[in-house]
PDB file of all heavy atoms in Angstrom:
ATOM      1  N   VAL A   1     -12.222   2.754  -2.106  1.00  0.00           N
ATOM      2  CA  VAL A   1     -10.877   2.558  -2.662  1.00  0.00           C
ATOM      3  C   VAL A   1      -9.896   2.443  -1.521  1.00  0.00           C
ATOM      4  O   VAL A   1      -9.681   3.407  -0.761  1.00  0.00           O
ATOM      5  CB  VAL A   1     -10.491   3.750  -3.559  1.00  0.00           C
ATOM      6  CG1 VAL A   1      -9.072   3.541  -4.104  1.00  0.00           C
ATOM      7  CG2 VAL A   1     -11.495   3.904  -4.714  1.00  0.00           C
ATOM      8  N   GLU A   2      -9.288   1.256  -1.426  1.00  0.00           N
ATOM      9  CA  GLU A   2      -8.313   1.020  -0.376  1.00  0.00           C
ATOM     10  C   GLU A   2      -6.887   1.363  -0.856  1.00  0.00           C
ATOM     11  O   GLU A   2      -6.611   1.280  -2.082  1.00  0.00           O
ATOM     12  CB  GLU A   2      -8.300  -0.453   0.059  1.00  0.00           C
ATOM     13  CG  GLU A   2      -9.607  -0.977   0.598  1.00  0.00           C
ATOM     14  CD  GLU A   2     -10.454  -1.673  -0.421  1.00  0.00           C
ATOM     15  OE1 GLU A   2     -10.258  -1.381  -1.648  1.00  0.00           O
ATOM     16  OE2 GLU A   2     -11.287  -2.510  -0.074  1.00  0.00           O
ATOM     17  N   SER A   3      -6.043   1.726   0.090  1.00  0.00           N
ATOM     18  CA  SER A   3      -4.650   1.980  -0.229  1.00  0.00           C
ATOM     19  C   SER A   3      -3.820   1.778   1.023  1.00  0.00           C
ATOM     20  O   SER A   3      -4.363   1.637   2.121  1.00  0.00           O
ATOM     21  CB  SER A   3      -4.465   3.433  -0.742  1.00  0.00           C
ATOM     22  OG  SER A   3      -4.873   4.358   0.252  1.00  0.00           O
ATOM     23  N   GLY A   4      -2.495   1.717   0.850  1.00  0.00           N
ATOM     24  CA  GLY A   4      -1.600   1.638   1.983  1.00  0.00           C
ATOM     25  C   GLY A   4      -0.970   0.298   2.222  1.00  0.00           C
ATOM     26  O   GLY A   4      -0.142   0.130   3.129  1.00  0.00           O
ATOM     27  N   GLY A   5      -1.370  -0.691   1.447  1.00  0.00           N
ATOM     28  CA  GLY A   5      -0.766  -2.030   1.630  1.00  0.00           C
ATOM     29  C   GLY A   5       0.683  -2.040   1.137  1.00  0.00           C
ATOM     30  O   GLY A   5       1.188  -1.069   0.560  1.00  0.00           O
ATOM     31  N   GLY A   6       1.327  -3.184   1.398  1.00  0.00           N
ATOM     32  CA  GLY A   6       2.701  -3.328   0.952  1.00  0.00           C
ATOM     33  C   GLY A   6       3.391  -4.467   1.627  1.00  0.00           C
ATOM     34  O   GLY A   6       2.758  -5.291   2.294  1.00  0.00           O
ATOM     35  N   LEU A   7       4.711  -4.498   1.478  1.00  0.00           N
ATOM     36  CA  LEU A   7       5.544  -5.529   2.100  1.00  0.00           C
ATOM     37  C   LEU A   7       6.180  -4.945   3.370  1.00  0.00           C
ATOM     38  O   LEU A   7       6.776  -3.863   3.287  1.00  0.00           O
ATOM     39  CB  LEU A   7       6.615  -5.980   1.109  1.00  0.00           C
ATOM     40  CG  LEU A   7       7.699  -6.930   1.631  1.00  0.00           C
ATOM     41  CD1 LEU A   7       7.086  -8.261   2.050  1.00  0.00           C
ATOM     42  CD2 LEU A   7       8.794  -7.141   0.570  1.00  0.00           C
ATOM     43  N   VAL A   8       6.071  -5.658   4.428  1.00  0.00           N
ATOM     44  CA  VAL A   8       6.639  -5.183   5.710  1.00  0.00           C
ATOM     45  C   VAL A   8       7.224  -6.373   6.459  1.00  0.00           C
ATOM     46  O   VAL A   8       6.736  -7.524   6.325  1.00  0.00           O
ATOM     47  CB  VAL A   8       5.548  -4.481   6.565  1.00  0.00           C
ATOM     48  CG1 VAL A   8       4.416  -5.408   6.913  1.00  0.00           C
ATOM     49  CG2 VAL A   8       6.149  -3.796   7.760  1.00  0.00           C
ATOM     50  N   GLN A   9       8.248  -6.098   7.216  1.00  0.00           N
ATOM     51  CA  GLN A   9       8.854  -7.179   8.014  1.00  0.00           C
ATOM     52  C   GLN A   9       8.018  -7.481   9.252  1.00  0.00           C
ATOM     53  O   GLN A   9       7.281  -6.621   9.722  1.00  0.00           O
ATOM     54  CB  GLN A   9      10.258  -6.748   8.452  1.00  0.00           C
ATOM     55  CG  GLN A   9      11.236  -6.660   7.274  1.00  0.00           C
ATOM     56  CD  GLN A   9      12.691  -6.424   7.770  1.00  0.00           C
ATOM     57  OE1 GLN A   9      12.899  -6.003   8.901  1.00  0.00           O
ATOM     58  NE2 GLN A   9      13.604  -6.684   6.916  1.00  0.00           N
ATOM     59  N   PRO A  10       8.100  -8.695   9.765  1.00  0.00           N
ATOM     60  CA  PRO A  10       7.429  -9.041  11.032  1.00  0.00           C
ATOM     61  C   PRO A  10       7.811  -8.005  12.109  1.00  0.00           C
ATOM     62  O   PRO A  10       8.961  -7.624  12.241  1.00  0.00           O
ATOM     63  CB  PRO A  10       7.979 -10.416  11.344  1.00  0.00           C
ATOM     64  CG  PRO A  10       8.299 -11.006  10.033  1.00  0.00           C
ATOM     65  CD  PRO A  10       8.842  -9.853   9.210  1.00  0.00           C
ATOM     66  N   GLY A  11       6.779  -7.596  12.842  1.00  0.00           N
ATOM     67  CA  GLY A  11       6.984  -6.558  13.873  1.00  0.00           C
ATOM     68  C   GLY A  11       6.757  -5.160  13.380  1.00  0.00           C
ATOM     69  O   GLY A  11       6.730  -4.214  14.212  1.00  0.00           O
ATOM     70  N   GLY A  12       6.646  -5.009  12.096  1.00  0.00           N
ATOM     71  CA  GLY A  12       6.486  -3.693  11.490  1.00  0.00           C
ATOM     72  C   GLY A  12       5.042  -3.184  11.544  1.00  0.00           C
ATOM     73  O   GLY A  12       4.161  -3.839  12.104  1.00  0.00           O
ATOM     74  N   SER A  13       4.856  -2.013  10.950  1.00  0.00           N
ATOM     75  CA  SER A  13       3.537  -1.362  10.966  1.00  0.00           C
ATOM     76  C   SER A  13       3.141  -0.920   9.571  1.00  0.00           C
ATOM     77  O   SER A  13       4.013  -0.629   8.724  1.00  0.00           O
ATOM     78  CB  SER A  13       3.562  -0.128  11.873  1.00  0.00           C
ATOM     79  OG  SER A  13       3.839  -0.479  13.191  1.00  0.00           O
ATOM     80  N   LEU A  14       1.854  -0.846   9.335  1.00  0.00           N
ATOM     81  CA  LEU A  14       1.275  -0.289   8.121  1.00  0.00           C
ATOM     82  C   LEU A  14       0.001   0.427   8.520  1.00  0.00           C
ATOM     83  O   LEU A  14      -0.664   0.017   9.489  1.00  0.00           O
ATOM     84  CB  LEU A  14       0.964  -1.364   7.082  1.00  0.00           C
ATOM     85  CG  LEU A  14       2.090  -1.944   6.221  1.00  0.00           C
ATOM     86  CD1 LEU A  14       1.548  -3.073   5.362  1.00  0.00           C
ATOM     87  CD2 LEU A  14       2.744  -0.874   5.374  1.00  0.00           C
ATOM     88  N   ARG A  15      -0.383   1.427   7.713  1.00  0.00           N
ATOM     89  CA  ARG A  15      -1.652   2.084   7.921  1.00  0.00           C
ATOM     90  C   ARG A  15      -2.417   2.032   6.595  1.00  0.00           C
ATOM     91  O   ARG A  15      -1.977   2.562   5.572  1.00  0.00           O
ATOM     92  CB  ARG A  15      -1.462   3.553   8.322  1.00  0.00           C
ATOM     93  CG  ARG A  15      -2.765   4.263   8.673  1.00  0.00           C
ATOM     94  CD  ARG A  15      -2.521   5.715   8.932  1.00  0.00           C
ATOM     95  NE  ARG A  15      -3.697   6.377   9.536  1.00  0.00           N
ATOM     96  CZ  ARG A  15      -4.177   7.525   9.152  1.00  0.00           C
ATOM     97  NH1 ARG A  15      -3.590   8.177   8.146  1.00  0.00           N
ATOM     98  NH2 ARG A  15      -5.219   8.095   9.745  1.00  0.00           N
ATOM     99  N   LEU A  16      -3.570   1.346   6.653  1.00  0.00           N
ATOM    100  CA  LEU A  16      -4.420   1.239   5.476  1.00  0.00           C
ATOM    101  C   LEU A  16      -5.451   2.352   5.518  1.00  0.00           C
ATOM    102  O   LEU A  16      -5.919   2.770   6.572  1.00  0.00           O
ATOM    103  CB  LEU A  16      -5.130  -0.114   5.455  1.00  0.00           C
ATOM    104  CG  LEU A  16      -4.260  -1.349   5.532  1.00  0.00           C
ATOM    105  CD1 LEU A  16      -5.133  -2.596   5.394  1.00  0.00           C
ATOM    106  CD2 LEU A  16      -3.172  -1.341   4.498  1.00  0.00           C
ATOM    107  N   SER A  17      -5.814   2.798   4.318  1.00  0.00           N
ATOM    108  CA  SER A  17      -6.848   3.827   4.176  1.00  0.00           C
ATOM    109  C   SER A  17      -7.909   3.309   3.215  1.00  0.00           C
ATOM    110  O   SER A  17      -7.627   2.552   2.300  1.00  0.00           O
ATOM    111  CB  SER A  17      -6.254   5.103   3.617  1.00  0.00           C
ATOM    112  OG  SER A  17      -5.274   5.643   4.472  1.00  0.00           O
ATOM    113  N   CYS A  18      -9.139   3.766   3.433  1.00  0.00           N
ATOM    114  CA  CYS A  18     -10.222   3.470   2.527  1.00  0.00           C
ATOM    115  C   CYS A  18     -11.017   4.763   2.311  1.00  0.00           C
ATOM    116  O   CYS A  18     -11.569   5.275   3.271  1.00  0.00           O
ATOM    117  CB  CYS A  18     -11.116   2.369   3.083  1.00  0.00           C
ATOM    118  SG  CYS A  18     -12.619   2.073   2.147  1.00  0.00           S
ATOM    119  N   ALA A  19     -11.046   5.207   1.080  1.00  0.00           N
ATOM    120  CA  ALA A  19     -11.800   6.415   0.721  1.00  0.00           C
ATOM    121  C   ALA A  19     -13.143   5.999   0.106  1.00  0.00           C
ATOM    122  O   ALA A  19     -13.193   5.180  -0.815  1.00  0.00           O
ATOM    123  CB  ALA A  19     -10.994   7.234  -0.268  1.00  0.00           C
ATOM    124  N   ALA A  20     -14.204   6.571   0.646  1.00  0.00           N
ATOM    125  CA  ALA A  20     -15.544   6.242   0.177  1.00  0.00           C
ATOM    126  C   ALA A  20     -16.102   7.410  -0.611  1.00  0.00           C
ATOM    127  O   ALA A  20     -15.805   8.593  -0.329  1.00  0.00           O
ATOM    128  CB  ALA A  20     -16.433   5.939   1.382  1.00  0.00           C
ATOM    129  N   SER A  21     -16.945   7.092  -1.585  1.00  0.00           N
ATOM    130  CA  SER A  21     -17.654   8.102  -2.309  1.00  0.00           C
ATOM    131  C   SER A  21     -19.033   7.580  -2.735  1.00  0.00           C
ATOM    132  O   SER A  21     -19.230   6.365  -2.774  1.00  0.00           O
ATOM    133  CB  SER A  21     -16.855   8.544  -3.561  1.00  0.00           C
ATOM    134  OG  SER A  21     -16.605   7.455  -4.426  1.00  0.00           O
ATOM    135  N   GLY A  22     -19.950   8.451  -2.983  1.00  0.00           N
ATOM    136  CA  GLY A  22     -21.241   8.037  -3.443  1.00  0.00           C
ATOM    137  C   GLY A  22     -22.221   7.697  -2.299  1.00  0.00           C
ATOM    138  O   GLY A  22     -23.307   7.192  -2.565  1.00  0.00           O
ATOM    139  N   ILE A  23     -21.790   7.921  -1.051  1.00  0.00           N
ATOM    140  CA  ILE A  23     -22.649   7.616   0.095  1.00  0.00           C
ATOM    141  C   ILE A  23     -22.535   8.740   1.125  1.00  0.00           C
ATOM    142  O   ILE A  23     -21.599   9.526   1.106  1.00  0.00           O
ATOM    143  CB  ILE A  23     -22.245   6.299   0.802  1.00  0.00           C
ATOM    144  CG1 ILE A  23     -20.802   6.354   1.337  1.00  0.00           C
ATOM    145  CG2 ILE A  23     -22.436   5.127  -0.134  1.00  0.00           C
ATOM    146  CD1 ILE A  23     -20.448   5.167   2.219  1.00  0.00           C
ATOM    147  N   ILE A  24     -23.540   8.784   2.031  1.00  0.00           N
ATOM    148  CA  ILE A  24     -23.428   9.700   3.157  1.00  0.00           C
ATOM    149  C   ILE A  24     -22.657   8.903   4.211  1.00  0.00           C
ATOM    150  O   ILE A  24     -23.211   8.198   5.056  1.00  0.00           O
ATOM    151  CB  ILE A  24     -24.807  10.102   3.658  1.00  0.00           C
ATOM    152  CG1 ILE A  24     -25.603  10.725   2.533  1.00  0.00           C
ATOM    153  CG2 ILE A  24     -24.686  11.101   4.846  1.00  0.00           C
ATOM    154  CD1 ILE A  24     -27.044  11.048   2.869  1.00  0.00           C
ATOM    155  N   PHE A  25     -21.326   9.050   4.158  1.00  0.00           N
ATOM    156  CA  PHE A  25     -20.391   8.169   4.852  1.00  0.00           C
ATOM    157  C   PHE A  25     -20.708   8.079   6.344  1.00  0.00           C
ATOM    158  O   PHE A  25     -20.632   6.990   6.916  1.00  0.00           O
ATOM    159  CB  PHE A  25     -18.994   8.675   4.621  1.00  0.00           C
ATOM    160  CG  PHE A  25     -17.924   7.905   5.273  1.00  0.00           C
ATOM    161  CD1 PHE A  25     -17.464   6.700   4.729  1.00  0.00           C
ATOM    162  CD2 PHE A  25     -17.329   8.346   6.461  1.00  0.00           C
ATOM    163  CE1 PHE A  25     -16.471   5.979   5.365  1.00  0.00           C
ATOM    164  CE2 PHE A  25     -16.357   7.612   7.093  1.00  0.00           C
ATOM    165  CZ  PHE A  25     -15.899   6.434   6.519  1.00  0.00           C
ATOM    166  N   GLY A  26     -21.021   9.172   6.926  1.00  0.00           N
ATOM    167  CA  GLY A  26     -21.169   9.214   8.403  1.00  0.00           C
ATOM    168  C   GLY A  26     -22.320   8.399   8.924  1.00  0.00           C
ATOM    169  O   GLY A  26     -22.416   8.137  10.149  1.00  0.00           O
ATOM    170  N   LEU A  27     -23.176   7.902   8.061  1.00  0.00           N
ATOM    171  CA  LEU A  27     -24.341   7.141   8.515  1.00  0.00           C
ATOM    172  C   LEU A  27     -24.029   5.651   8.729  1.00  0.00           C
ATOM    173  O   LEU A  27     -24.832   4.964   9.375  1.00  0.00           O
ATOM    174  CB  LEU A  27     -25.457   7.243   7.470  1.00  0.00           C
ATOM    175  CG  LEU A  27     -26.090   8.585   7.268  1.00  0.00           C
ATOM    176  CD1 LEU A  27     -27.177   8.509   6.182  1.00  0.00           C
ATOM    177  CD2 LEU A  27     -26.665   9.142   8.544  1.00  0.00           C
ATOM    178  N   TYR A  28     -22.939   5.193   8.197  1.00  0.00           N
ATOM    179  CA  TYR A  28     -22.717   3.747   8.107  1.00  0.00           C
ATOM    180  C   TYR A  28     -21.603   3.221   8.953  1.00  0.00           C
ATOM    181  O   TYR A  28     -20.551   3.840   9.142  1.00  0.00           O
ATOM    182  CB  TYR A  28     -22.411   3.372   6.656  1.00  0.00           C
ATOM    183  CG  TYR A  28     -23.551   3.703   5.711  1.00  0.00           C
ATOM    184  CD1 TYR A  28     -23.523   4.853   4.942  1.00  0.00           C
ATOM    185  CD2 TYR A  28     -24.649   2.847   5.643  1.00  0.00           C
ATOM    186  CE1 TYR A  28     -24.593   5.154   4.109  1.00  0.00           C
ATOM    187  CE2 TYR A  28     -25.705   3.170   4.828  1.00  0.00           C
ATOM    188  CZ  TYR A  28     -25.685   4.322   4.054  1.00  0.00           C
ATOM    189  OH  TYR A  28     -26.737   4.616   3.256  1.00  0.00           O
ATOM    190  N   THR A  29     -21.848   1.997   9.504  1.00  0.00           N
ATOM    191  CA  THR A  29     -20.774   1.225  10.085  1.00  0.00           C
ATOM    192  C   THR A  29     -19.829   0.734   8.981  1.00  0.00           C
ATOM    193  O   THR A  29     -20.278   0.274   7.934  1.00  0.00           O
ATOM    194  CB  THR A  29     -21.346  -0.009  10.822  1.00  0.00           C
ATOM    195  OG1 THR A  29     -22.090   0.459  11.983  1.00  0.00           O
ATOM    196  CG2 THR A  29     -20.248  -0.944  11.278  1.00  0.00           C
ATOM    197  N   MET A  30     -18.562   0.890   9.230  1.00  0.00           N
ATOM    198  CA  MET A  30     -17.546   0.527   8.249  1.00  0.00           C
ATOM    199  C   MET A  30     -16.709  -0.618   8.805  1.00  0.00           C
ATOM    200  O   MET A  30     -16.451  -0.705  10.014  1.00  0.00           O
ATOM    201  CB  MET A  30     -16.616   1.690   7.920  1.00  0.00           C
ATOM    202  CG  MET A  30     -17.309   2.883   7.341  1.00  0.00           C
ATOM    203  SD  MET A  30     -18.123   2.547   5.751  1.00  0.00           S
ATOM    204  CE  MET A  30     -16.702   2.109   4.736  1.00  0.00           C
TER     205      MET A  30
END
Protein backbone atom coordinates (compact mmCIF):
# COMPACT_ATOMS: atom_id res chain seq x y z
CA VAL A 1 0.00 0.00 0.00
CA GLU A 2 1.58 3.22 -1.22
CA SER A 3 0.89 6.66 0.20
CA GLY A 4 2.33 10.16 0.23
CA GLY A 5 1.69 11.32 -3.30
CA GLY A 6 0.19 14.66 -4.18
CA LEU A 7 0.58 17.93 -6.02
CA VAL A 8 3.86 19.78 -5.54
CA GLN A 9 5.53 22.70 -7.24
CA PRO A 10 8.74 22.27 -9.22
CA GLY A 11 11.68 22.20 -6.84
CA GLY A 12 9.56 20.82 -4.04
CA SER A 13 9.78 17.57 -2.11
CA LEU A 14 7.58 14.61 -1.32
CA ARG A 15 8.11 11.43 0.69
CA LEU A 16 6.38 8.29 -0.51
CA SER A 17 5.74 5.35 1.75
CA CYS A 18 4.91 1.74 0.97
CA ALA A 19 3.61 -0.55 3.69
CA ALA A 20 3.96 -4.27 3.09
CA SER A 21 2.05 -7.12 4.67
CA GLY A 22 1.82 -10.84 4.17
CA ILE A 23 5.56 -11.30 3.57
CA ILE A 24 8.78 -11.59 5.54
CA PHE A 25 9.66 -8.10 4.41
CA GLY A 26 13.32 -8.13 5.37
CA LEU A 27 14.12 -10.91 2.91
CA TYR A 28 13.24 -9.03 -0.25
CA THR A 29 14.67 -6.39 -2.52
CA MET A 30 12.11 -3.62 -2.83
